[in-house]
Amino acid sequence: MLVAFDFDGTLSDSEMTVLLGRRVGAAEEMARITERAMNDELDYAESLRQRVALLEGLSTESADGAFGDVVLRPNAADVVAALREAGHHVAILTGGFERGVEAALAREGVDVDTVVANRVLDADDTLTGGVEGPLVEGTKDDALRALAAEVGVPMDETVAVGDGANDLPMLEVAGLAVGYDPKPAVEPACDTVVTSMADLHDLLAERGLL
């Protein structure tokens, strides 16, 4: 099986752009833009560009400090480790940033098989306000299909776990769509809903995946 997780709002309750935004006094504006995007009120790519543009001039040292504040939810590392021990391919598909994902996984001492994420751009030790990566304009359904083909897993043997509007595409095409405390606009696309990592562990066990 291929199990694909969203990161911000799902594996982590941190929101990377907000953590970065605090470093430049823009956290509240970041949070407002994020909320509109997650409720499907604003195009995700546009929302991401708006948020990252607010970071222009932030030092890379300060950005690294913010990425170091990204943490996994309680028991998230246990769920990931159990899935990999059971022989499943575990992926993170996130519109967030590679460096934050890597920092959070390293802190917990847990690995995943694939990370598909974006990158904030920098020059001369400061952020430029730009962003690039496969999930700026690209969508998570395409990323999930491409990864499933790469690892040789049929789409009906994929699981997607997410919470926000940019997760809708992968939830709609996955064999099993799990909403993690999903936003109202997202819940109708979910086959089932959980509200904690313990609940998710139990669900995966009930489905015979653990």
Protein backbone atom coordinates (compact mmCIF):
# COMPACT_ATOMS: atom_id res chain seq x y z
CA MET A 1 0.00 0.00 0.00
CA LEU A 2 0.93 3.63 -0.52
CA VAL A 3 -0.10 5.93 2.32
CA ALA A 4 0.17 9.68 1.58
CA PHE A 5 -0.09 12.28 4.31
CA ASP A 6 -0.58 16.00 4.17
CA PHE A 7 1.75 17.70 6.64
CA ASP A 8 0.60 21.07 8.01
CA GLY A 9 -2.70 20.47 9.81
CA THR A 10 -2.39 16.69 9.53
CA LEU A 11 0.89 15.08 10.60
CA SER A 12 1.76 18.38 12.27
CA ASP A 13 -0.40 20.97 13.96
CA SER A 14 2.23 23.56 13.05
CA GLU A 15 1.59 25.88 10.12
CA MET A 16 4.97 26.63 8.57
CA THR A 17 4.08 29.91 6.93
CA VAL A 18 2.68 31.21 10.23
CA LEU A 19 5.84 30.18 12.11
CA LEU A 20 7.88 32.02 9.49
CA GLY A 21 5.46 34.94 9.54
CA ARG A 22 5.99 35.45 13.27
CA ARG A 23 9.61 36.26 12.47
CA VAL A 24 8.51 39.25 10.39
CA GLY A 25 5.41 40.28 12.35
CA ALA A 26 3.02 38.90 9.73
CA ALA A 27 1.64 35.81 11.50
CA GLU A 28 -1.94 37.07 11.75
CA GLU A 29 -2.10 38.02 8.09
CA MET A 30 -0.56 34.65 7.19
CA ALA A 31 -3.16 32.81 9.26
CA ARG A 32 -6.02 34.70 7.59
CA ILE A 33 -4.74 33.85 4.11
CA THR A 34 -4.19 30.21 5.11
CA GLU A 35 -7.69 29.87 6.52
CA ARG A 36 -9.24 31.20 3.32
CA ALA A 37 -7.21 28.75 1.25
CA MET A 38 -7.97 25.73 3.45
CA ASN A 39 -11.69 26.51 3.30
CA ASP A 40 -11.47 26.65 -0.51
CA GLU A 41 -12.18 30.39 -0.60
CA LEU A 42 -8.88 31.30 -2.28
CA ASP A 43 -6.79 29.52 -4.90
CA TYR A 44 -4.04 27.64 -3.08
CA ALA A 45 -1.16 28.64 -5.37
CA GLU A 46 -2.12 32.31 -5.09
CA SER A 47 -2.47 32.04 -1.32
CA LEU A 48 0.95 30.45 -1.02
CA ARG A 49 2.59 33.15 -3.12
CA GLN A 50 0.88 35.86 -1.06
CA ARG A 51 2.10 34.35 2.19
CA VAL A 52 5.67 33.77 1.07
CA ALA A 53 5.90 37.28 -0.40
CA LEU A 54 5.45 38.61 3.14
CA LEU A 55 8.71 36.88 4.10
CA GLU A 56 10.92 38.90 1.78
CA GLY A 57 14.03 40.02 3.65
CA LEU A 58 13.85 37.44 6.44
CA SER A 59 17.31 36.03 7.14
CA THR A 60 17.89 32.38 6.33
CA GLU A 61 19.16 31.96 9.91
CA SER A 62 15.84 33.18 11.28
CA ALA A 63 13.95 31.00 8.77
CA ASP A 64 15.91 27.97 9.95
CA GLY A 65 14.88 28.83 13.49
CA ALA A 66 11.24 28.83 12.43
CA PHE A 67 11.61 25.50 10.64
CA GLY A 68 13.15 24.14 13.83
CA ASP A 69 9.89 24.96 15.64
CA VAL A 70 7.87 22.62 13.39
CA VAL A 71 6.74 19.56 15.35
CA LEU A 72 4.77 16.41 14.65
CA ARG A 73 1.48 15.76 16.39
CA PRO A 74 1.55 13.42 19.40
CA ASN A 75 1.76 9.80 18.20
CA ALA A 76 2.28 10.81 14.55
CA ALA A 77 5.78 9.34 14.53
CA ASP A 78 4.41 6.07 15.93
CA VAL A 79 1.80 5.84 13.14
CA VAL A 80 4.41 6.50 10.45
CA ALA A 81 6.84 4.00 11.95
CA ALA A 82 4.13 1.34 12.25
CA LEU A 83 3.10 1.78 8.63
CA ARG A 84 6.67 1.45 7.39
CA GLU A 85 7.27 -1.56 9.64
CA ALA A 86 4.19 -3.15 8.06
CA GLY A 87 5.85 -2.71 4.66
CA HIS A 88 3.85 0.21 3.30
CA HIS A 89 5.33 3.09 1.30
CA VAL A 90 4.76 6.25 3.35
CA ALA A 91 4.79 9.64 1.65
CA ILE A 92 4.29 13.26 2.64
CA LEU A 93 2.67 15.45 -0.01
CA THR A 94 2.66 19.02 1.22
CA GLY A 95 2.39 22.56 -0.04
CA GLY A 96 4.63 23.37 2.92
CA PHE A 97 8.38 23.37 2.87
CA GLU A 98 11.00 20.63 2.72
CA ARG A 99 13.15 22.11 5.47
CA GLY A 100 10.32 22.16 8.01
CA VAL A 101 9.29 18.59 7.23
CA GLU A 102 12.88 17.38 7.50
CA ALA A 103 13.41 19.18 10.83
CA ALA A 104 10.26 17.71 12.38
CA LEU A 105 11.01 14.17 11.23
CA ALA A 106 14.60 14.39 12.44
CA ARG A 107 13.51 15.58 15.89
CA GLU A 108 11.31 12.49 16.27
CA GLY A 109 13.87 10.15 14.72
CA VAL A 110 11.40 8.88 12.13
CA ASP A 111 11.73 8.55 8.36
CA VAL A 112 9.30 8.43 5.45
CA ASP A 113 9.91 7.00 1.99
CA THR A 114 9.02 10.07 -0.09
CA VAL A 115 8.61 13.79 0.54
CA VAL A 116 7.03 15.99 -2.12
CA ALA A 117 7.21 19.59 -0.92
CA ASN A 118 7.98 23.16 -1.90
CA ARG A 119 10.94 25.45 -1.18
CA VAL A 120 11.25 29.07 -0.11
CA LEU A 121 13.86 30.86 -2.21
CA ASP A 122 16.80 32.77 -0.82
CA ALA A 123 19.75 34.82 -1.99
CA ASP A 124 22.57 36.45 -0.02
CA ASP A 125 21.36 34.81 3.22
CA THR A 126 17.86 36.29 3.04
CA LEU A 127 14.54 35.05 1.72
CA THR A 128 13.53 36.62 -1.59
CA GLY A 129 9.79 36.28 -1.08
CA GLY A 130 9.62 33.65 -3.81
CA VAL A 131 8.59 30.00 -3.68
CA GLU A 132 9.06 27.07 -6.02
CA GLY A 133 8.27 23.38 -6.06
CA PRO A 134 6.00 20.66 -7.40
CA LEU A 135 3.02 21.65 -5.24
CA VAL A 136 2.78 25.35 -5.97
CA GLU A 137 0.80 25.02 -9.20
CA GLY A 138 0.86 21.22 -9.19
CA THR A 139 -1.91 19.32 -7.42
CA LYS A 140 -1.79 16.42 -5.00
CA ASP A 141 -3.86 14.09 -7.17
CA ASP A 142 -1.20 14.25 -9.89
CA ALA A 143 1.53 13.81 -7.27
CA LEU A 144 -0.24 10.78 -5.80
CA ARG A 145 -0.83 9.19 -9.20
CA ALA A 146 2.79 9.75 -10.23
CA LEU A 147 4.13 8.28 -7.01
CA ALA A 148 1.76 5.29 -7.19
CA ALA A 149 2.98 4.56 -10.72
CA GLU A 150 6.61 4.96 -9.63
CA VAL A 151 6.32 2.47 -6.76
CA GLY A 152 3.97 0.11 -8.62
CA VAL A 153 0.88 0.49 -6.44
CA PRO A 154 -2.62 0.56 -8.01
CA MET A 155 -4.63 3.65 -7.11
CA ASP A 156 -7.23 1.54 -5.32
CA GLU A 157 -4.44 0.52 -2.92
CA THR A 158 -3.61 4.08 -1.93
CA VAL A 159 -4.60 5.91 1.23
CA ALA A 160 -4.66 9.71 1.50
CA VAL A 161 -4.87 11.57 4.81
CA GLY A 162 -5.51 15.32 4.81
CA ASP A 163 -7.50 18.21 6.23
CA GLY A 164 -7.61 21.20 3.86
CA ALA A 165 -8.85 22.22 0.44
CA ASN A 166 -5.51 21.59 -1.26
CA ASP A 167 -5.85 17.96 -0.08
CA LEU A 168 -9.17 17.53 -1.91
CA PRO A 169 -7.62 16.36 -5.19
CA MET A 170 -5.72 13.47 -3.57
CA LEU A 171 -8.62 12.58 -1.29
CA GLU A 172 -10.89 12.32 -4.31
CA VAL A 173 -8.64 9.89 -6.20
CA ALA A 174 -7.25 7.74 -3.35
CA GLY A 175 -8.56 4.25 -2.65
CA LEU A 176 -9.26 5.35 0.94
CA ALA A 177 -9.75 9.02 1.80
CA VAL A 178 -9.22 9.86 5.47
CA GLY A 179 -10.04 13.32 6.75
CA TYR A 180 -7.97 14.44 9.72
CA ASP A 181 -10.34 16.82 11.52
CA PRO A 182 -11.14 18.14 8.04
CA LYS A 183 -12.40 21.58 7.11
CA PRO A 184 -16.14 21.72 6.29
CA ALA A 185 -15.46 22.02 2.55
CA VAL A 186 -13.31 18.88 2.68
CA GLU A 187 -15.31 16.45 4.81
CA PRO A 188 -17.77 15.40 2.06
CA ALA A 189 -14.85 14.01 0.03
CA CYS A 190 -13.68 11.78 2.90
CA ASP A 191 -14.58 8.12 3.30
CA THR A 192 -13.97 8.43 7.03
CA VAL A 193 -12.82 11.04 9.54
CA VAL A 194 -10.45 10.90 12.52
CA THR A 195 -9.57 13.57 15.06
CA SER A 196 -6.37 12.19 16.60
CA MET A 197 -3.38 10.10 15.63
CA ALA A 198 -4.59 7.43 18.07
CA ASP A 199 -7.88 7.28 16.14
CA LEU A 200 -5.94 7.04 12.89
CA HIS A 201 -3.83 4.18 14.24
CA ASP A 202 -7.00 2.34 15.27
CA LEU A 203 -8.58 2.94 11.86
CA LEU A 204 -5.53 1.63 10.01
CA ALA A 205 -5.46 -1.42 12.26
CA GLU A 206 -9.16 -2.07 11.64
CA ARG A 207 -8.52 -1.86 7.89
CA GLY A 208 -5.79 -4.48 8.21
CA LEU A 209 -2.94 -2.11 7.39
CA LEU A 210 -1.19 -2.48 10.76
